[in-house]
Amino acid sequence: MVQGERIINYNKRLYGPGPLARVPAPGIMGYFARQPPLRGFAICAAQGVAMGFAVSLYYKVFMGDPDTRAIEAYYKENPPR
């Protein structure tokens, strides 16, 4: 079996000295890139879930679920027989 050519890493900025070099952006834009991959993903996912709950709570409490209000108004005008 012929041994393949050795892969040479010419782009150190992209691939880095290890398996993958994450070059973070400065400031808040590179916040997750400066953390270990699993921890950054877990924090990002938790923030996404928290934002989803907050938006759905706002929708349900302050907007009053417009679709449900429209259905209830319809059945007030047209009661079932």
N, C-alpha and C. Protein backbone atom coordinates (compact mmCIF):
# COMPACT_ATOMS: atom_id res chain seq x y z
N MET A 1 0.85 -1.17 0.00
CA MET A 1 0.00 0.00 0.00
C MET A 1 0.90 1.24 0.00
N VAL A 2 0.62 2.16 -0.88
CA VAL A 2 1.43 3.37 -1.00
C VAL A 2 0.93 4.39 0.02
N GLN A 3 1.86 4.96 0.74
CA GLN A 3 1.50 5.95 1.75
C GLN A 3 1.20 7.28 1.05
N GLY A 4 0.08 7.92 1.45
CA GLY A 4 -0.32 9.18 0.84
C GLY A 4 0.60 10.31 1.24
N GLU A 5 0.49 11.38 0.50
CA GLU A 5 1.32 12.55 0.81
C GLU A 5 0.90 13.13 2.14
N ARG A 6 1.86 13.72 2.82
CA ARG A 6 1.59 14.35 4.11
C ARG A 6 0.87 15.68 3.86
N ILE A 7 -0.20 15.92 4.56
CA ILE A 7 -0.94 17.16 4.42
C ILE A 7 -0.19 18.27 5.14
N ILE A 8 0.09 19.34 4.44
CA ILE A 8 0.82 20.45 5.02
C ILE A 8 -0.15 21.60 5.22
N ASN A 9 -0.12 22.15 6.42
CA ASN A 9 -1.02 23.25 6.76
C ASN A 9 -0.35 24.57 6.37
N TYR A 10 -0.79 25.14 5.27
CA TYR A 10 -0.22 26.40 4.81
C TYR A 10 -0.93 27.61 5.41
N ASN A 11 -2.15 27.44 5.87
CA ASN A 11 -2.92 28.58 6.38
C ASN A 11 -3.02 28.46 7.90
N LYS A 12 -2.02 28.98 8.61
CA LYS A 12 -2.00 28.85 10.07
C LYS A 12 -3.11 29.66 10.73
N ARG A 13 -3.53 30.77 10.12
CA ARG A 13 -4.59 31.59 10.71
C ARG A 13 -5.92 30.85 10.70
N LEU A 14 -6.18 30.10 9.63
CA LEU A 14 -7.45 29.38 9.53
C LEU A 14 -7.43 28.10 10.37
N TYR A 15 -6.39 27.30 10.24
CA TYR A 15 -6.36 25.99 10.89
C TYR A 15 -5.59 25.99 12.20
N GLY A 16 -4.67 26.91 12.38
CA GLY A 16 -3.96 27.06 13.64
C GLY A 16 -3.02 25.91 13.93
N PRO A 17 -2.36 25.97 15.08
CA PRO A 17 -1.41 24.93 15.43
C PRO A 17 -2.10 23.64 15.88
N GLY A 18 -3.32 23.76 16.38
CA GLY A 18 -4.05 22.59 16.85
C GLY A 18 -5.03 22.13 15.78
N PRO A 19 -6.06 21.40 16.18
CA PRO A 19 -7.05 20.93 15.21
C PRO A 19 -7.80 22.08 14.54
N LEU A 20 -8.04 23.15 15.28
CA LEU A 20 -8.79 24.28 14.71
C LEU A 20 -8.47 25.52 15.53
N ALA A 21 -8.05 26.57 14.87
CA ALA A 21 -7.77 27.82 15.58
C ALA A 21 -8.96 28.74 15.39
N ARG A 22 -9.61 29.10 16.46
CA ARG A 22 -10.72 30.04 16.39
C ARG A 22 -10.14 31.42 16.68
N VAL A 23 -10.13 32.28 15.68
CA VAL A 23 -9.60 33.62 15.85
C VAL A 23 -10.79 34.53 16.15
N PRO A 24 -10.97 34.91 17.42
CA PRO A 24 -12.17 35.67 17.77
C PRO A 24 -12.08 37.12 17.33
N ALA A 25 -13.23 37.68 17.05
CA ALA A 25 -13.33 39.10 16.75
C ALA A 25 -13.16 39.87 18.06
N PRO A 26 -12.73 41.10 17.98
CA PRO A 26 -12.57 41.88 19.22
C PRO A 26 -13.92 42.26 19.82
N GLY A 27 -13.94 42.44 21.13
CA GLY A 27 -15.14 42.92 21.82
C GLY A 27 -16.22 41.87 21.95
N ILE A 28 -17.45 42.33 21.98
CA ILE A 28 -18.61 41.45 22.21
C ILE A 28 -18.85 40.52 21.03
N MET A 29 -18.41 40.87 19.83
CA MET A 29 -18.65 40.04 18.65
C MET A 29 -17.89 38.71 18.72
N GLY A 30 -16.80 38.64 19.48
CA GLY A 30 -16.04 37.40 19.59
C GLY A 30 -16.22 36.71 20.91
N TYR A 31 -17.31 36.99 21.61
CA TYR A 31 -17.52 36.45 22.95
C TYR A 31 -17.54 34.93 22.97
N PHE A 32 -18.31 34.31 22.11
CA PHE A 32 -18.44 32.85 22.12
C PHE A 32 -17.21 32.18 21.53
N ALA A 33 -16.50 32.85 20.62
CA ALA A 33 -15.33 32.25 20.00
C ALA A 33 -14.16 32.16 20.97
N ARG A 34 -14.14 32.97 22.01
CA ARG A 34 -13.05 32.92 22.98
C ARG A 34 -13.25 31.82 24.02
N GLN A 35 -14.37 31.16 24.02
CA GLN A 35 -14.64 30.11 25.00
C GLN A 35 -14.40 28.74 24.38
N PRO A 36 -14.29 27.72 25.20
CA PRO A 36 -14.21 26.37 24.65
C PRO A 36 -15.48 26.07 23.84
N PRO A 37 -15.39 25.27 22.78
CA PRO A 37 -16.51 25.09 21.86
C PRO A 37 -17.81 24.63 22.53
N LEU A 38 -17.76 23.61 23.38
CA LEU A 38 -18.99 23.09 23.98
C LEU A 38 -19.61 24.10 24.93
N ARG A 39 -18.79 24.78 25.71
CA ARG A 39 -19.31 25.78 26.64
C ARG A 39 -19.94 26.95 25.88
N GLY A 40 -19.28 27.41 24.82
CA GLY A 40 -19.83 28.50 24.01
C GLY A 40 -21.16 28.11 23.39
N PHE A 41 -21.25 26.88 22.87
CA PHE A 41 -22.50 26.41 22.28
C PHE A 41 -23.60 26.30 23.33
N ALA A 42 -23.26 25.78 24.51
CA ALA A 42 -24.26 25.62 25.57
C ALA A 42 -24.79 26.97 26.04
N ILE A 43 -23.91 27.94 26.19
CA ILE A 43 -24.36 29.28 26.62
C ILE A 43 -25.23 29.92 25.54
N CYS A 44 -24.80 29.78 24.29
CA CYS A 44 -25.57 30.35 23.17
C CYS A 44 -26.96 29.71 23.10
N ALA A 45 -27.03 28.39 23.25
CA ALA A 45 -28.32 27.70 23.20
C ALA A 45 -29.20 28.10 24.37
N ALA A 46 -28.62 28.22 25.57
CA ALA A 46 -29.40 28.62 26.74
C ALA A 46 -29.95 30.04 26.58
N GLN A 47 -29.14 30.93 26.02
CA GLN A 47 -29.62 32.30 25.79
C GLN A 47 -30.73 32.31 24.74
N GLY A 48 -30.62 31.47 23.74
CA GLY A 48 -31.68 31.38 22.73
C GLY A 48 -32.99 30.88 23.31
N VAL A 49 -32.91 29.87 24.17
CA VAL A 49 -34.11 29.33 24.81
C VAL A 49 -34.73 30.39 25.73
N ALA A 50 -33.89 31.08 26.50
CA ALA A 50 -34.39 32.12 27.40
C ALA A 50 -35.07 33.24 26.61
N MET A 51 -34.47 33.64 25.50
CA MET A 51 -35.08 34.69 24.69
C MET A 51 -36.40 34.21 24.09
N GLY A 52 -36.47 32.95 23.70
CA GLY A 52 -37.71 32.40 23.16
C GLY A 52 -38.82 32.41 24.21
N PHE A 53 -38.50 32.01 25.42
CA PHE A 53 -39.50 32.05 26.49
C PHE A 53 -39.96 33.48 26.78
N ALA A 54 -39.01 34.42 26.79
CA ALA A 54 -39.36 35.81 27.08
C ALA A 54 -40.27 36.39 26.00
N VAL A 55 -39.97 36.11 24.75
CA VAL A 55 -40.80 36.62 23.66
C VAL A 55 -42.17 35.97 23.67
N SER A 56 -42.24 34.67 23.94
CA SER A 56 -43.55 34.02 23.97
C SER A 56 -44.38 34.50 25.15
N LEU A 57 -43.74 34.79 26.29
CA LEU A 57 -44.47 35.34 27.43
C LEU A 57 -45.01 36.72 27.10
N TYR A 58 -44.19 37.55 26.46
CA TYR A 58 -44.65 38.89 26.05
C TYR A 58 -45.84 38.77 25.10
N TYR A 59 -45.75 37.86 24.13
CA TYR A 59 -46.82 37.66 23.16
C TYR A 59 -48.11 37.23 23.86
N LYS A 60 -48.00 36.29 24.77
CA LYS A 60 -49.18 35.73 25.43
C LYS A 60 -49.82 36.73 26.40
N VAL A 61 -48.99 37.47 27.17
CA VAL A 61 -49.51 38.35 28.21
C VAL A 61 -49.94 39.70 27.65
N PHE A 62 -49.06 40.34 26.88
CA PHE A 62 -49.34 41.70 26.45
C PHE A 62 -50.14 41.79 25.17
N MET A 63 -49.98 40.83 24.26
CA MET A 63 -50.76 40.87 23.02
C MET A 63 -52.05 40.07 23.15
N GLY A 64 -52.14 39.22 24.14
CA GLY A 64 -53.37 38.49 24.41
C GLY A 64 -53.70 37.41 23.39
N ASP A 65 -52.73 36.91 22.68
CA ASP A 65 -52.93 35.84 21.70
C ASP A 65 -54.06 36.21 20.73
N PRO A 66 -53.80 37.04 19.72
CA PRO A 66 -54.83 37.55 18.82
C PRO A 66 -55.66 36.47 18.12
N ASP A 67 -55.06 35.33 17.80
CA ASP A 67 -55.82 34.27 17.13
C ASP A 67 -56.91 33.73 18.05
N THR A 68 -56.59 33.51 19.31
CA THR A 68 -57.58 33.01 20.26
C THR A 68 -58.69 34.03 20.47
N ARG A 69 -58.33 35.30 20.54
CA ARG A 69 -59.35 36.35 20.71
C ARG A 69 -60.29 36.39 19.50
N ALA A 70 -59.76 36.21 18.30
CA ALA A 70 -60.60 36.21 17.10
C ALA A 70 -61.56 35.02 17.10
N ILE A 71 -61.11 33.86 17.52
CA ILE A 71 -61.97 32.67 17.58
C ILE A 71 -63.05 32.86 18.63
N GLU A 72 -62.68 33.40 19.80
CA GLU A 72 -63.67 33.62 20.85
C GLU A 72 -64.71 34.65 20.41
N ALA A 73 -64.29 35.69 19.71
CA ALA A 73 -65.23 36.70 19.22
C ALA A 73 -66.19 36.08 18.20
N TYR A 74 -65.69 35.20 17.36
CA TYR A 74 -66.54 34.54 16.37
C TYR A 74 -67.63 33.71 17.06
N TYR A 75 -67.23 32.95 18.08
CA TYR A 75 -68.21 32.10 18.75
C TYR A 75 -69.16 32.90 19.64
N LYS A 76 -68.80 34.10 20.04
CA LYS A 76 -69.76 34.94 20.75
C LYS A 76 -70.85 35.43 19.81
N GLU A 77 -70.43 35.78 18.58
CA GLU A 77 -71.41 36.22 17.58
C GLU A 77 -72.21 35.05 17.01
N ASN A 78 -71.61 33.89 16.88
CA ASN A 78 -72.25 32.70 16.28
C ASN A 78 -72.17 31.55 17.27
N PRO A 79 -73.03 31.52 18.26
CA PRO A 79 -72.96 30.42 19.24
C PRO A 79 -73.28 29.08 18.60
N PRO A 80 -72.65 28.01 19.08
CA PRO A 80 -72.95 26.68 18.54
C PRO A 80 -74.36 26.26 18.94
N ARG A 81 -74.97 25.47 18.11
CA ARG A 81 -76.36 25.05 18.35
C ARG A 81 -76.45 23.85 19.22
